[in-house]
C-alpha atoms as a PDB file:
ATOM      1  CA  UNK A   1    -151.334-111.886 167.043  1.00  0.00           C
ATOM      2  CA  UNK A   2    -148.819-112.901 164.221  1.00  0.00           C
ATOM      3  CA  UNK A   3    -149.068-111.374 161.228  1.00  0.00           C
ATOM      4  CA  UNK A   4    -146.944-113.273 158.354  1.00  0.00           C
ATOM      5  CA  UNK A   5    -144.932-111.286 156.343  1.00  0.00           C
ATOM      6  CA  UNK A   6    -145.517-110.707 152.829  1.00  0.00           C
ATOM      7  CA  UNK A   7    -144.191-113.023 149.997  1.00  0.00           C
ATOM      8  CA  UNK A   8    -142.932-111.300 146.743  1.00  0.00           C
ATOM      9  CA  UNK A   9    -142.895-112.909 143.080  1.00  0.00           C
ATOM     10  CA  UNK A  10    -141.257-111.479 139.841  1.00  0.00           C
ATOM     11  CA  UNK A  11    -143.288-111.942 136.780  1.00  0.00           C
ATOM     12  CA  UNK A  12    -143.849-110.059 133.268  1.00  0.00           C
ATOM     13  CA  UNK A  13    -146.642-107.498 132.351  1.00  0.00           C
ATOM     14  CA  UNK A  14    -148.038-110.050 130.017  1.00  0.00           C
ATOM     15  CA  UNK A  15    -148.107-113.023 132.335  1.00  0.00           C
ATOM     16  CA  UNK A  16    -149.912-110.780 134.976  1.00  0.00           C
ATOM     17  CA  UNK A  17    -152.409-109.392 132.520  1.00  0.00           C
ATOM     18  CA  UNK A  18    -153.062-113.029 131.600  1.00  0.00           C
ATOM     19  CA  UNK A  19    -153.744-113.832 135.096  1.00  0.00           C
ATOM     20  CA  UNK A  20    -156.397-110.838 135.872  1.00  0.00           C
ATOM     21  CA  UNK A  21    -158.190-112.396 132.557  1.00  0.00           C
ATOM     22  CA  UNK A  22    -158.393-115.885 134.151  1.00  0.00           C
ATOM     23  CA  UNK A  23    -158.655-114.545 137.819  1.00  0.00           C
ATOM     24  CA  UNK A  24    -155.386-116.661 138.727  1.00  0.00           C
ATOM     25  CA  UNK A  25    -151.614-116.774 138.233  1.00  0.00           C
ATOM     26  CA  UNK A  26    -149.820-119.754 137.174  1.00  0.00           C
ATOM     27  CA  UNK A  27    -145.878-119.255 136.543  1.00  0.00           C
ATOM     28  CA  UNK A  28    -144.477-122.034 134.359  1.00  0.00           C
ATOM     29  CA  UNK A  29    -142.745-123.697 137.504  1.00  0.00           C
ATOM     30  CA  UNK A  30    -145.874-124.662 138.734  1.00  0.00           C
ATOM     31  CA  UNK A  31    -146.382-127.366 136.053  1.00  0.00           C
ATOM     32  CA  UNK A  32    -142.925-128.108 135.719  1.00  0.00           C
ATOM     33  CA  UNK A  33    -141.957-128.492 139.490  1.00  0.00           C
ATOM     34  CA  UNK A  34    -145.324-128.239 141.199  1.00  0.00           C
ATOM     35  CA  UNK A  35    -144.947-124.702 142.886  1.00  0.00           C
ATOM     36  CA  UNK A  36    -144.474-121.091 142.255  1.00  0.00           C
ATOM     37  CA  UNK A  37    -141.076-119.609 143.332  1.00  0.00           C
ATOM     38  CA  UNK A  38    -141.668-116.824 145.595  1.00  0.00           C
ATOM     39  CA  UNK A  39    -139.288-114.850 147.888  1.00  0.00           C
ATOM     40  CA  UNK A  40    -138.830-112.794 150.747  1.00  0.00           C
ATOM     41  CA  UNK A  41    -138.505-109.247 150.693  1.00  0.00           C
ATOM     42  CA  UNK A  42    -134.957-109.457 151.319  1.00  0.00           C
ATOM     43  CA  UNK A  43    -134.356-112.001 148.726  1.00  0.00           C
ATOM     44  CA  UNK A  44    -135.915-109.979 145.883  1.00  0.00           C
ATOM     45  CA  UNK A  45    -132.739-108.399 144.810  1.00  0.00           C
ATOM     46  CA  UNK A  46    -130.975-111.432 144.228  1.00  0.00           C
ATOM     47  CA  UNK A  47    -133.626-113.134 142.584  1.00  0.00           C
ATOM     48  CA  UNK A  48    -133.455-110.353 140.107  1.00  0.00           C
ATOM     49  CA  UNK A  49    -129.913-110.309 139.635  1.00  0.00           C
ATOM     50  CA  UNK A  50    -129.607-114.677 139.316  1.00  0.00           C
ATOM     51  CA  UNK A  51    -132.717-114.819 136.956  1.00  0.00           C
ATOM     52  CA  UNK A  52    -133.867-111.828 135.507  1.00  0.00           C
ATOM     53  CA  UNK A  53    -130.795-109.812 134.711  1.00  0.00           C
ATOM     54  CA  UNK A  54    -131.434-107.535 131.629  1.00  0.00           C
ATOM     55  CA  UNK A  55    -135.105-108.332 131.215  1.00  0.00           C
ATOM     56  CA  UNK A  56    -137.424-105.694 130.792  1.00  0.00           C
ATOM     57  CA  UNK A  57    -141.357-105.284 131.485  1.00  0.00           C
ATOM     58  CA  UNK A  58    -141.069-106.709 135.062  1.00  0.00           C
ATOM     59  CA  UNK A  59    -143.626-106.525 137.506  1.00  0.00           C
ATOM     60  CA  UNK A  60    -142.743-107.724 141.593  1.00  0.00           C
ATOM     61  CA  UNK A  61    -146.131-108.820 142.906  1.00  0.00           C
ATOM     62  CA  UNK A  62    -146.697-108.239 146.559  1.00  0.00           C
ATOM     63  CA  UNK A  63    -148.664-111.446 147.892  1.00  0.00           C
ATOM     64  CA  UNK A  64    -150.452-111.592 151.289  1.00  0.00           C
ATOM     65  CA  UNK A  65    -149.838-115.172 152.619  1.00  0.00           C
ATOM     66  CA  UNK A  66    -153.330-115.211 154.428  1.00  0.00           C
ATOM     67  CA  UNK A  67    -155.182-114.587 151.237  1.00  0.00           C
ATOM     68  CA  UNK A  68    -153.590-117.461 149.329  1.00  0.00           C
ATOM     69  CA  UNK A  69    -155.982-120.406 148.835  1.00  0.00           C
ATOM     70  CA  UNK A  70    -153.133-123.188 148.231  1.00  0.00           C
ATOM     71  CA  UNK A  71    -150.345-124.168 150.623  1.00  0.00           C
ATOM     72  CA  UNK A  72    -147.200-121.801 151.214  1.00  0.00           C
ATOM     73  CA  UNK A  73    -143.977-123.885 152.300  1.00  0.00           C
ATOM     74  CA  UNK A  74    -140.585-122.577 152.851  1.00  0.00           C
ATOM     75  CA  UNK A  75    -137.998-124.530 151.367  1.00  0.00           C
ATOM     76  CA  UNK A  76    -134.483-124.749 150.980  1.00  0.00           C
ATOM     77  CA  UNK A  77    -132.763-123.776 147.777  1.00  0.00           C
ATOM     78  CA  UNK A  78    -129.600-125.692 147.723  1.00  0.00           C
ATOM     79  CA  UNK A  79    -127.838-123.017 145.300  1.00  0.00           C
ATOM     80  CA  UNK A  80    -128.273-120.393 147.868  1.00  0.00           C
ATOM     81  CA  UNK A  81    -128.646-122.401 151.181  1.00  0.00           C
ATOM     82  CA  UNK A  82    -131.998-120.059 151.720  1.00  0.00           C
ATOM     83  CA  UNK A  83    -135.345-120.671 152.811  1.00  0.00           C
ATOM     84  CA  UNK A  84    -137.759-119.705 149.793  1.00  0.00           C
ATOM     85  CA  UNK A  85    -141.505-119.428 150.060  1.00  0.00           C
ATOM     86  CA  UNK A  86    -143.117-121.846 147.449  1.00  0.00           C
ATOM     87  CA  UNK A  87    -146.793-121.636 146.410  1.00  0.00           C
ATOM     88  CA  UNK A  88    -147.918-125.002 145.606  1.00  0.00           C
ATOM     89  CA  UNK A  89    -150.844-124.039 143.312  1.00  0.00           C
ATOM     90  CA  UNK A  90    -152.360-120.883 141.405  1.00  0.00           C
ATOM     91  CA  UNK A  91    -152.206-117.716 143.017  1.00  0.00           C
ATOM     92  CA  UNK A  92    -155.272-116.297 143.112  1.00  0.00           C
ATOM     93  CA  UNK A  93    -155.341-112.635 141.834  1.00  0.00           C
ATOM     94  CA  UNK A  94    -157.297-111.403 145.173  1.00  0.00           C
ATOM     95  CA  UNK A  95    -154.199-112.634 147.259  1.00  0.00           C
ATOM     96  CA  UNK A  96    -151.648-110.131 145.577  1.00  0.00           C
ATOM     97  CA  UNK A  97    -152.283-106.891 147.441  1.00  0.00           C
ATOM     98  CA  UNK A  98    -149.860-104.544 145.317  1.00  0.00           C
ATOM     99  CA  UNK A  99    -147.571-104.395 141.836  1.00  0.00           C
ATOM    100  CA  UNK A 100    -144.408-102.594 141.556  1.00  0.00           C
ATOM    101  CA  UNK A 101    -143.140-102.381 137.900  1.00  0.00           C
ATOM    102  CA  UNK A 102    -139.419-103.145 137.844  1.00  0.00           C
ATOM    103  CA  UNK A 103    -137.039-100.743 136.067  1.00  0.00           C
END
């Protein structure tokens, strides 16, 4: 049986604490673009380098795609010519299977 690989999302401790209170996580991109940007394990370092350089208090959310309650699509990012996972709706906190602090 095929088991999809986990996907990853970078956020702040503050935003994750808010998600725990609400029961779901919403990134600003959901309101602006209609989806939450995620990445594969291989893409995390590049995302950190491009968008989060010098920031502190970051967390890497590990998300089980089978536990998502909203649609997951892999779509081309023109800037990198790579397919990235996008979640079209809030991410229920139960879909997050682990969390790692980023130093």
